[in-house]
Structures are given as C-alpha cells and as structure tokens.
Amino acid sequence: MALSQSFEITVVGGGLGGLTAALSLRHQGLRVTVLEQAAELGEVGAGIQTAPNASRILMGLGLRRRLEAIRTEPQDQVRRRWQDGSIIGLTPLGQHVKETFNAPYWHYHRADLHQIILDACSDPEGPGPAVRIRTGSRVTAIDRSDPQRPVAVTEDGTRYAGDVLIGADGVRSQVRDLIGAEDTLVFSGDMAFRTLIPGDLLRADPATRFLFDRFQSTIWYGPGRHLVHYLIRGGESLNVVGCVPCTDEVAEQWSTTAPAQQLVDAYEGWDDRVPAMLSKAKADVTCFALYYRRPDPVWVDGRVALLGDACHAMLPYQAQGASQAMEDAAVLAEELAGVTVTGVEDALQRYVRRRAKHAGMVQQASLRNKTFYRHPDGPEQQARDAALATSFDGESDVSYDWLWSGSPLDSAGQEQFAYRHHR
C-alpha cells in the first residue's frame, strides 16, 4: 500500500466544498476528519445549479444514480428583458450539454445535494476509510508547533492533529484568519433576496403557468438589478434569487430576513410576470450581503491550505461558487494522492498553481457580470442584447466551453469522470 494512503487530513467546514473535498480524499484512500461548527450538518433551504464542470466531479465520485433521483434538468438558460420579458438570449442545456461536455447541467435543492455527499462520506461500504464527521466543533486555534502536524483546536479544547489541514470554512474563514492570510474580502454593494416559492401556486395561476411549459434557468436583466429563478425538486418549488443594491440594515447584519413584499417591491415596474411570481412567496425571505474576495494566489501556508470561498469567494453571477470549490476538491485530492507524506507541501503548491489562476478568472467574470446584467436602457444595453441574440456561449468574458470543461485533471481523472460511461 502506498505511503500516501497513511495521510491524516483535517477539513474545517462541512459545507458542499468541504464534504466534496473529504469524499474526494477518501476515494484516494486518505483518512479524513471533518470539523463543522454547527450542531447539525445541513444546508439552507435554497437551490443550487451544478454546471458540467461540477457534475463531472460528482459523477466521478460514484454519485450519478443518487443525483439522478434528486435532480431537475433545465433545457435552456434564458435571458429575459426586464420591461416586457422578451427573450434576449438562449443557451441550450439538457441533452446538448451532456453531448458537448460529457456531463449534465442540473438543478438541486441544496439540502438534497449536501445529504447525498454526506451519506457517501459516511457510507461504510464506500471506497477508502469512512470520513469522520464532528459537529459542534468550532475551530478557534491552530497549533503549528510541529509544522509537519498542524493541529486544529476547537472551542472545547479538543485537538485534531493531521498531516494536512484544509480550511473549507466559507467566506468568513476562521482558518484563513488563524494563519494570518491577507484580508482580501470586498463588499460588492449588493444584497441577495433568496426564497422558495411553492410550485402548486405557480401552476394554478395562468400568469405563471408558463414556468412549467419547459424547465429553464432564467436570468432577467434590468437597470441596476437582476433576477434569477429555476425549478427544483421536479417543479415542487421555484428557487428565486433577486440581486439588488444592498440596504444599510443588511450590510450591517450580513444576513437577515425580510417580508416577502420587500422582494416584490424591489422589482416594481418590471414585466407583469415578475410580480405575479414573487407575490406567491409565502414566508419571510432571506437577505444577505454579497461579498467576494479579490483574486489572490496565496492559498497555502506550510501544511495548511484553503479551499472554496475561503480563498476565492465570488459573486453568484456565474453560478459557479460551489462548482469551483468542487474543482478545488478534485485537484487537491489528485495532488495529495500522488505523493508520500514528505511531499505534501509540494503537492499543496501544485494544487494552488493548478487552481488559483483558473478560479481568479471566474471571480473576475462573476464581478463583471454585475455590470453586464444591469446596463440601463440605452446604447450599451442594445449592443449587449444584439450580441446575445446570436451567441450560445453565455454572457461573460469566459466562454462556457472553457468554464464547463473544468480544470484539467490528469488523463486518468478525466476518464473516470466521463458521464456516458460512468454507470
């Protein structure tokens, strides 16, 4: 057995990025402990899109059949004009994406996707040693008195030593702070409303029944704000994300709730179908300030490495935040599997070289979309709409061909992630 398989790795953070890293490492025969500060593991009640670059990674982890049971497959990505709902541009998804990228574009409820990855981490019948999950474990210190064995220390004083420590603990990463990494967090000036609207209410209204004619991922472009929605759980709910200028209250609190009417009011004057949809939200909506990190290639200090939002938090304007974290996870596991314990630090440096520039380009594209989606009516808006009317390759400075192909894994990795042949 290879010496690399004796590694012990501590992952701080039990979100989608942290668990995908843990599962990817488990598949390489490495021993992993996940420390999650929440008392129970879970995800918020919201949707998530996984483009082919993320789907390819999840398929390679043996999750295809379980993902098929919970996914909703959009047939197109549609961009609509705020004032009249006319279609500005359309990108085919569905079968076209599977044939082109060898992996699907699917929608999920975040909690469903998280549960499947969690179950695979803990499954005693899975490949490699089962991942140890420790909830209620908030990391408050890192002891690196032995630089070869970084120790995560939790609030209650419990110590978790390993050969590698991975900070996958989100945009406000404690691990990042504890290793003294530069503060690269930037407030975007935006906030997001997020809610799930019951599908049966939308089906019952002639004004919103069109949502079920053909499942799509929809972005409404408008002056100073935009709106995203798509169906999840086979049409049980419509996931809605409304991105608007941030209020002082939300900026101060980071995250809060608001009456659903506040979401409706934020799109006053838009096409009648927009208030018809949004007015069916029956509970308070979640509001959160949107932050991102400026691109920064410093993700590693010795045997401590960062992953996902901890190192490259991005605005949700490419729907790539979780997908990029999953790419991190796959590349990290591939690099660590290829070395003995003495080569860990070099492997972590290669991980950063393979991922930092790529993730930084996605960060920048996501940021530029903030302007691109929201041109006021006029010459720039007209030029944008004319370009999108004849393009099927997305809207940003990075092409879907580049983005959805994902980070290059080695040839063996690419083969095992194939969609058509992985059954």
Protein backbone atom coordinates (compact mmCIF):
# COMPACT_ATOMS: atom_id res chain seq x y z
CA MET A 1 0.00 0.00 0.00
CA ALA A 2 1.33 3.44 -0.91
CA LEU A 3 2.61 5.56 1.94
CA SER A 4 0.40 8.39 0.75
CA GLN A 5 -2.58 6.41 1.96
CA SER A 6 -1.50 6.86 5.57
CA PHE A 7 -2.16 10.60 5.42
CA GLU A 8 -4.45 12.11 8.01
CA ILE A 9 -6.28 15.18 6.78
CA THR A 10 -8.45 17.56 8.79
CA VAL A 11 -11.06 19.51 6.85
CA VAL A 12 -12.56 22.51 8.63
CA GLY A 13 -16.05 23.16 7.29
CA GLY A 14 -18.83 20.75 6.41
CA GLY A 15 -20.46 22.61 3.53
CA LEU A 16 -20.58 21.43 -0.07
CA GLY A 17 -16.92 22.28 -0.71
CA GLY A 18 -15.63 20.70 2.49
CA LEU A 19 -17.61 17.50 2.06
CA THR A 20 -16.68 17.15 -1.60
CA ALA A 21 -13.04 17.51 -0.57
CA ALA A 22 -13.49 14.91 2.16
CA LEU A 23 -15.14 12.46 -0.22
CA SER A 24 -12.54 13.05 -2.95
CA LEU A 25 -9.75 12.42 -0.44
CA ARG A 26 -11.49 9.32 0.87
CA HIS A 27 -11.60 7.94 -2.68
CA GLN A 28 -7.82 8.26 -2.74
CA GLY A 29 -7.50 6.15 0.41
CA LEU A 30 -6.76 9.06 2.74
CA ARG A 31 -8.10 9.34 6.28
CA VAL A 32 -10.24 12.44 6.76
CA THR A 33 -11.89 14.17 9.70
CA VAL A 34 -14.38 16.98 9.04
CA LEU A 35 -14.91 19.61 11.75
CA GLU A 36 -18.17 21.55 11.45
CA GLN A 37 -19.06 24.30 13.88
CA ALA A 38 -22.85 23.84 13.56
CA ALA A 39 -24.56 21.43 15.91
CA GLU A 40 -26.08 19.60 12.93
CA LEU A 41 -24.86 19.25 9.39
CA GLY A 42 -27.18 20.61 6.72
CA GLU A 43 -27.76 23.26 4.08
CA VAL A 44 -30.17 26.15 3.79
CA GLY A 45 -33.48 25.77 2.02
CA ALA A 46 -32.41 27.02 -1.39
CA GLY A 47 -31.49 25.84 -4.85
CA ILE A 48 -28.13 25.27 -6.47
CA GLN A 49 -27.01 24.87 -10.07
CA THR A 50 -24.24 22.45 -10.96
CA ALA A 51 -22.75 23.07 -14.38
CA PRO A 52 -20.91 20.26 -16.19
CA ASN A 53 -17.56 21.06 -14.54
CA ALA A 54 -19.07 20.27 -11.12
CA SER A 55 -21.29 17.43 -12.33
CA ARG A 56 -18.25 15.73 -13.81
CA ILE A 57 -16.58 15.67 -10.41
CA LEU A 58 -19.66 14.37 -8.61
CA MET A 59 -20.10 11.64 -11.22
CA GLY A 60 -16.50 10.59 -10.71
CA LEU A 61 -17.25 10.11 -7.03
CA GLY A 62 -19.83 7.47 -7.88
CA LEU A 63 -22.89 9.61 -7.17
CA ARG A 64 -24.64 9.51 -10.54
CA ARG A 65 -27.62 7.33 -9.66
CA ARG A 66 -28.28 9.19 -6.42
CA LEU A 67 -28.00 12.55 -8.17
CA GLU A 68 -30.43 11.48 -10.88
CA ALA A 69 -33.02 10.80 -8.18
CA ILE A 70 -32.94 14.38 -6.85
CA ARG A 71 -32.05 16.49 -9.87
CA THR A 72 -34.18 18.71 -12.05
CA GLU A 73 -32.82 19.21 -15.56
CA PRO A 74 -33.30 22.58 -17.27
CA GLN A 75 -33.47 22.52 -21.05
CA ASP A 76 -32.20 26.05 -21.62
CA GLN A 77 -30.58 29.02 -19.98
CA VAL A 78 -32.75 32.01 -20.87
CA ARG A 79 -32.08 35.74 -20.52
CA ARG A 80 -35.13 38.00 -20.43
CA ARG A 81 -35.59 41.74 -20.68
CA TRP A 82 -36.92 43.36 -17.51
CA GLN A 83 -39.59 45.53 -19.08
CA ASP A 84 -41.51 43.10 -21.26
CA GLY A 85 -40.00 39.67 -20.57
CA SER A 86 -38.82 39.28 -24.16
CA ILE A 87 -36.02 36.76 -24.64
CA ILE A 88 -32.62 38.39 -25.17
CA GLY A 89 -30.56 35.23 -25.48
CA LEU A 90 -30.79 31.48 -25.04
CA THR A 91 -28.18 28.79 -24.36
CA PRO A 92 -29.28 25.17 -24.90
CA LEU A 93 -28.74 22.87 -21.93
CA GLY A 94 -30.29 19.41 -21.45
CA GLN A 95 -29.06 16.80 -23.90
CA HIS A 96 -26.93 19.34 -25.77
CA VAL A 97 -24.73 19.92 -22.72
CA LYS A 98 -24.36 16.22 -21.98
CA GLU A 99 -23.27 15.53 -25.55
CA THR A 100 -20.92 18.52 -25.71
CA PHE A 101 -19.32 18.36 -22.25
CA ASN A 102 -19.90 14.73 -21.31
CA ALA A 103 -21.63 15.85 -18.10
CA PRO A 104 -25.04 17.34 -17.27
CA TYR A 105 -26.27 20.74 -16.12
CA TRP A 106 -28.63 20.02 -13.22
CA HIS A 107 -30.54 21.88 -10.51
CA TYR A 108 -30.98 20.66 -6.94
CA HIS A 109 -32.27 21.66 -3.56
CA ARG A 110 -29.04 22.39 -1.71
CA ALA A 111 -30.05 20.24 1.25
CA ASP A 112 -30.66 17.24 -1.03
CA LEU A 113 -27.26 17.55 -2.70
CA HIS A 114 -25.50 18.08 0.61
CA GLN A 115 -27.15 14.99 2.11
CA ILE A 116 -26.06 12.77 -0.76
CA ILE A 117 -22.43 13.84 -0.44
CA LEU A 118 -22.59 13.49 3.34
CA ASP A 119 -24.04 9.98 3.07
CA ALA A 120 -21.27 8.99 0.67
CA CYS A 121 -18.64 10.32 3.09
CA SER A 122 -20.03 8.15 5.90
CA ASP A 123 -21.06 5.07 3.91
CA PRO A 124 -19.23 2.08 5.44
CA GLU A 125 -19.38 0.28 2.08
CA GLY A 126 -17.71 3.10 0.16
CA PRO A 127 -14.12 3.11 -1.13
CA GLY A 128 -11.42 4.12 1.29
CA PRO A 129 -11.78 4.81 5.02
CA ALA A 130 -15.09 6.40 6.01
CA VAL A 131 -14.87 10.11 6.79
CA ARG A 132 -15.17 11.04 10.46
CA ILE A 133 -17.67 13.87 10.96
CA ARG A 134 -17.51 16.03 14.11
CA THR A 135 -20.30 18.58 14.54
CA GLY A 136 -20.39 21.28 17.20
CA SER A 137 -16.66 21.69 16.59
CA ARG A 138 -15.80 25.34 16.10
CA VAL A 139 -12.09 25.77 15.42
CA THR A 140 -10.64 28.62 17.48
CA ALA A 141 -6.89 27.98 17.19
CA ILE A 142 -4.32 26.22 15.06
CA ASP A 143 -1.24 24.82 16.81
CA ARG A 144 1.70 24.54 14.43
CA SER A 145 4.45 23.99 16.97
CA ASP A 146 5.15 20.85 14.92
CA PRO A 147 4.95 22.21 11.35
CA GLN A 148 4.58 18.67 9.99
CA ARG A 149 1.43 18.02 12.06
CA PRO A 150 -0.86 21.08 12.20
CA VAL A 151 -3.45 20.79 14.97
CA ALA A 152 -6.96 22.26 14.79
CA VAL A 153 -8.11 23.19 18.28
CA THR A 154 -11.84 23.51 18.86
CA GLU A 155 -13.69 25.73 21.29
CA ASP A 156 -13.91 22.99 23.91
CA GLY A 157 -10.17 22.36 23.73
CA THR A 158 -10.29 19.18 21.66
CA ARG A 159 -7.24 18.80 19.42
CA TYR A 160 -7.26 17.29 15.94
CA ALA A 161 -3.80 16.67 14.50
CA GLY A 162 -3.17 15.72 10.90
CA ASP A 163 -0.62 15.80 8.12
CA VAL A 164 -2.68 18.44 6.29
CA LEU A 165 -5.25 20.97 7.49
CA ILE A 166 -7.78 22.26 4.93
CA GLY A 167 -9.78 25.42 5.57
CA ALA A 168 -13.07 24.97 3.71
CA ASP A 169 -14.96 27.17 6.15
CA GLY A 170 -16.50 29.73 3.87
CA VAL A 171 -16.30 33.40 3.05
CA ARG A 172 -15.63 34.34 6.69
CA SER A 173 -13.00 31.65 7.12
CA GLN A 174 -11.60 31.24 10.60
CA VAL A 175 -8.74 29.12 9.27
CA ARG A 176 -7.75 31.92 6.93
CA ASP A 177 -7.64 34.36 9.83
CA LEU A 178 -5.72 31.96 12.07
CA ILE A 179 -2.88 31.51 9.58
CA GLY A 180 -2.63 35.28 9.14
CA ALA A 181 -3.64 35.39 5.47
CA GLU A 182 -4.32 38.80 3.98
CA ASP A 183 -7.83 40.18 4.29
CA THR A 184 -9.00 40.18 0.66
CA LEU A 185 -12.73 40.45 1.35
CA VAL A 186 -14.59 43.12 -0.64
CA PHE A 187 -18.19 44.27 -0.16
CA SER A 188 -19.94 44.33 -3.53
CA GLY A 189 -22.60 46.87 -2.59
CA ASP A 190 -25.22 44.25 -3.46
CA MET A 191 -27.52 42.03 -1.49
CA ALA A 192 -29.47 38.95 -2.49
CA PHE A 193 -33.04 38.00 -1.67
CA ARG A 194 -33.47 34.24 -1.61
CA THR A 195 -36.70 32.27 -1.32
CA LEU A 196 -38.51 29.15 -2.48
CA ILE A 197 -41.99 29.64 -3.96
CA PRO A 198 -44.44 26.69 -3.90
CA GLY A 199 -44.84 25.19 -7.36
CA ASP A 200 -48.52 24.42 -6.95
CA LEU A 201 -49.30 28.13 -6.54
CA LEU A 202 -47.42 28.94 -9.72
CA ARG A 203 -49.14 26.18 -11.69
CA ALA A 204 -52.55 27.42 -10.60
CA ASP A 205 -52.04 30.95 -11.94
CA PRO A 206 -52.28 31.45 -15.73
CA ALA A 207 -49.74 34.28 -15.42
CA THR A 208 -47.04 31.95 -14.07
CA ARG A 209 -48.00 28.58 -15.54
CA PHE A 210 -45.52 29.18 -18.38
CA LEU A 211 -42.70 28.23 -15.97
CA PHE A 212 -43.71 24.58 -16.32
CA ASP A 213 -44.01 24.51 -20.12
CA ARG A 214 -40.27 23.94 -20.43
CA PHE A 215 -37.92 23.83 -17.45
CA GLN A 216 -35.36 26.59 -17.81
CA SER A 217 -32.79 28.55 -15.88
CA THR A 218 -33.82 32.18 -16.25
CA ILE A 219 -31.99 35.47 -15.71
CA TRP A 220 -33.93 38.72 -16.02
CA TYR A 221 -31.69 41.66 -16.94
CA GLY A 222 -32.68 45.11 -15.70
CA PRO A 223 -31.28 48.50 -14.82
CA GLY A 224 -29.34 48.28 -11.57
CA ARG A 225 -30.61 44.82 -10.57
CA HIS A 226 -31.33 41.37 -11.90
CA LEU A 227 -33.39 38.29 -11.02
CA VAL A 228 -32.65 34.56 -11.30
CA HIS A 229 -35.10 31.67 -10.95
CA TYR A 230 -35.34 27.97 -11.72
CA LEU A 231 -37.41 25.00 -10.65
CA ILE A 232 -36.11 22.34 -8.25
CA ARG A 233 -37.40 19.01 -6.98
CA GLY A 234 -39.16 18.39 -10.28
CA GLY A 235 -41.21 21.56 -10.04
CA GLU A 236 -42.12 21.32 -6.37
CA SER A 237 -40.55 24.74 -5.77
CA LEU A 238 -39.25 27.71 -7.72
CA ASN A 239 -35.88 28.87 -6.41
CA VAL A 240 -35.62 32.66 -6.62
CA VAL A 241 -32.55 34.83 -6.15
CA GLY A 242 -33.03 38.56 -6.52
CA CYS A 243 -29.85 40.66 -6.59
CA VAL A 244 -30.28 44.36 -5.82
CA PRO A 245 -28.39 47.25 -4.21
CA CYS A 246 -27.82 46.48 -0.54
CA THR A 247 -29.72 48.21 2.24
CA ASP A 248 -27.86 49.63 5.24
CA GLU A 249 -29.55 47.10 7.53
CA VAL A 250 -28.43 44.06 5.56
CA ALA A 251 -24.93 45.47 5.05
CA GLU A 252 -24.59 45.85 8.81
CA GLN A 253 -26.03 42.44 9.72
CA TRP A 254 -24.61 40.40 6.80
CA SER A 255 -27.73 38.26 6.82
CA THR A 256 -31.31 38.73 7.96
CA THR A 257 -34.91 38.12 6.89
CA ALA A 258 -37.45 40.44 5.34
CA PRO A 259 -41.17 40.34 4.49
CA ALA A 260 -41.84 38.83 1.08
CA GLN A 261 -43.42 42.09 0.00
CA GLN A 262 -39.99 43.72 0.14
CA LEU A 263 -38.85 41.35 -2.60
CA VAL A 264 -41.91 42.21 -4.70
CA ASP A 265 -41.32 45.93 -4.21
CA ALA A 266 -37.70 45.61 -5.34
CA TYR A 267 -38.94 44.80 -8.87
CA GLU A 268 -41.66 47.40 -9.19
CA GLY A 269 -42.34 48.30 -12.81
CA TRP A 270 -40.97 45.04 -14.22
CA ASP A 271 -42.88 42.75 -16.59
CA ASP A 272 -46.17 41.65 -15.00
CA ARG A 273 -44.99 38.06 -14.75
CA VAL A 274 -42.31 39.08 -12.25
CA PRO A 275 -44.65 40.40 -9.51
CA ALA A 276 -47.03 37.52 -10.32
CA MET A 277 -44.22 35.11 -9.41
CA LEU A 278 -42.72 36.95 -6.48
CA SER A 279 -46.03 37.71 -4.77
CA LYS A 280 -46.54 33.98 -4.24
CA ALA A 281 -43.69 33.79 -1.74
CA LYS A 282 -45.49 32.83 1.48
CA ALA A 283 -42.80 33.20 4.12
CA ASP A 284 -40.22 35.79 5.01
CA VAL A 285 -37.35 35.84 2.55
CA THR A 286 -33.67 35.58 3.41
CA CYS A 287 -31.50 38.60 2.66
CA PHE A 288 -27.72 38.55 2.73
CA ALA A 289 -24.98 40.99 1.78
CA LEU A 290 -22.79 39.85 -1.09
CA TYR A 291 -19.05 39.83 -0.55
CA TYR A 292 -16.26 38.50 -2.71
CA ARG A 293 -12.51 38.12 -2.44
CA ARG A 294 -10.18 39.84 -4.83
CA PRO A 295 -8.08 37.26 -6.67
CA ASP A 296 -5.16 36.15 -4.52
CA PRO A 297 -2.81 33.24 -5.28
CA VAL A 298 -1.77 32.73 -1.63
CA TRP A 299 -3.84 29.75 -0.50
CA VAL A 300 -1.22 27.70 1.37
CA ASP A 301 0.99 28.19 4.39
CA GLY A 302 3.10 25.13 5.11
CA ARG A 303 0.68 22.25 5.54
CA VAL A 304 -2.42 24.41 5.88
CA ALA A 305 -4.38 25.07 2.68
CA LEU A 306 -7.57 26.94 1.82
CA LEU A 307 -10.39 25.78 -0.43
CA GLY A 308 -13.55 27.28 -1.93
CA ASP A 309 -14.91 30.54 -0.57
CA ALA A 310 -12.10 30.72 1.99
CA CYS A 311 -9.68 31.57 -0.83
CA HIS A 312 -11.78 32.62 -3.84
CA ALA A 313 -15.25 33.73 -2.73
CA MET A 314 -17.07 35.12 -5.76
CA LEU A 315 -20.34 36.82 -6.56
CA PRO A 316 -23.09 34.41 -7.64
CA TYR A 317 -23.26 35.99 -11.10
CA GLN A 318 -21.75 32.93 -12.83
CA ALA A 319 -23.47 30.36 -10.57
CA GLN A 320 -20.00 28.89 -10.01
CA GLY A 321 -19.16 29.33 -6.32
CA ALA A 322 -19.82 25.74 -5.24
CA SER A 323 -18.69 24.35 -8.58
CA GLN A 324 -15.27 25.99 -8.25
CA ALA A 325 -14.95 24.59 -4.72
CA MET A 326 -15.67 21.12 -6.12
CA GLU A 327 -12.96 21.61 -8.72
CA ASP A 328 -10.60 22.57 -5.89
CA ALA A 329 -11.55 19.37 -4.08
CA ALA A 330 -10.82 17.12 -7.07
CA VAL A 331 -7.45 18.72 -7.85
CA LEU A 332 -6.39 18.75 -4.19
CA ALA A 333 -7.18 15.04 -3.80
CA GLU A 334 -5.38 14.21 -7.03
CA GLU A 335 -2.23 16.03 -5.94
CA LEU A 336 -2.15 14.56 -2.43
CA ALA A 337 -2.71 11.05 -3.75
CA GLY A 338 0.41 11.32 -5.87
CA VAL A 339 2.96 11.88 -3.10
CA THR A 340 4.31 10.33 0.06
CA VAL A 341 3.97 12.24 3.30
CA THR A 342 7.29 14.01 2.71
CA GLY A 343 5.93 15.51 -0.50
CA VAL A 344 2.80 17.07 0.97
CA GLU A 345 3.97 20.67 0.82
CA ASP A 346 5.00 20.41 -2.83
CA ALA A 347 1.64 18.80 -3.62
CA LEU A 348 -0.20 21.70 -1.98
CA GLN A 349 1.82 24.19 -4.02
CA ARG A 350 0.90 22.35 -7.22
CA TYR A 351 -2.76 22.42 -6.16
CA VAL A 352 -2.57 26.21 -5.93
CA ARG A 353 -0.76 26.56 -9.25
CA ARG A 354 -3.44 24.50 -10.98
CA ARG A 355 -6.37 26.27 -9.36
CA ALA A 356 -5.64 29.88 -8.37
CA LYS A 357 -5.47 31.44 -11.83
CA HIS A 358 -8.50 29.47 -13.01
CA ALA A 359 -10.64 30.40 -10.00
CA GLY A 360 -9.43 34.00 -10.22
CA MET A 361 -10.67 34.26 -13.80
CA VAL A 362 -14.09 33.00 -12.71
CA GLN A 363 -14.12 35.51 -9.85
CA GLN A 364 -13.41 38.36 -12.25
CA ALA A 365 -16.00 37.18 -14.76
CA SER A 366 -18.61 36.97 -12.00
CA LEU A 367 -17.79 40.50 -10.91
CA ARG A 368 -18.01 41.89 -14.45
CA ASN A 369 -21.43 40.33 -14.87
CA LYS A 370 -22.69 42.68 -12.19
CA THR A 371 -22.38 45.45 -14.75
CA PHE A 372 -23.21 43.34 -17.80
CA TYR A 373 -26.58 42.18 -16.46
CA ARG A 374 -27.64 45.64 -15.37
CA HIS A 375 -27.00 48.17 -18.10
CA PRO A 376 -29.60 50.94 -18.06
CA ASP A 377 -31.66 51.05 -21.24
CA GLY A 378 -29.56 52.67 -23.94
CA PRO A 379 -26.70 52.01 -26.36
CA GLU A 380 -24.72 49.62 -24.11
CA GLN A 381 -27.83 47.61 -23.33
CA GLN A 382 -28.77 47.45 -27.01
CA ALA A 383 -25.29 46.32 -28.02
CA ARG A 384 -25.32 43.65 -25.31
CA ASP A 385 -28.72 42.35 -26.36
CA ALA A 386 -27.73 42.26 -30.03
CA ALA A 387 -24.61 40.24 -29.21
CA LEU A 388 -26.52 37.75 -27.05
CA ALA A 389 -29.16 37.22 -29.72
CA THR A 390 -26.58 35.47 -31.90
CA SER A 391 -24.43 33.78 -29.23
CA PHE A 392 -24.99 30.49 -27.45
CA ASP A 393 -21.85 30.68 -25.34
CA GLY A 394 -23.01 32.61 -22.31
CA GLU A 395 -22.60 36.22 -21.43
CA SER A 396 -19.31 36.73 -19.63
CA ASP A 397 -15.67 37.18 -20.56
CA VAL A 398 -15.06 33.46 -20.04
CA SER A 399 -16.65 31.08 -22.51
CA TYR A 400 -18.82 28.21 -21.40
CA ASP A 401 -16.55 25.93 -23.41
CA TRP A 402 -13.65 26.90 -21.14
CA LEU A 403 -15.67 27.15 -17.93
CA TRP A 404 -17.68 23.96 -18.22
CA SER A 405 -14.74 21.87 -19.32
CA GLY A 406 -13.38 22.41 -15.83
CA SER A 407 -9.83 22.38 -14.52
CA PRO A 408 -7.65 19.81 -16.28
CA LEU A 409 -7.38 16.65 -14.26
CA ASP A 410 -4.84 14.08 -15.30
CA SER A 411 -5.83 11.66 -18.04
CA ALA A 412 -6.99 9.00 -15.58
CA GLY A 413 -9.08 11.54 -13.73
CA GLN A 414 -10.71 12.74 -16.93
CA GLU A 415 -11.62 9.19 -17.90
CA GLN A 416 -13.20 8.26 -14.57
CA PHE A 417 -15.38 11.38 -14.65
CA ALA A 418 -16.95 10.53 -18.02
CA TYR A 419 -20.72 10.90 -17.98
CA ARG A 420 -21.80 8.45 -20.67
CA HIS A 421 -19.66 5.57 -19.46
CA HIS A 422 -19.91 6.01 -15.71
CA ARG A 423 -22.82 3.82 -14.67
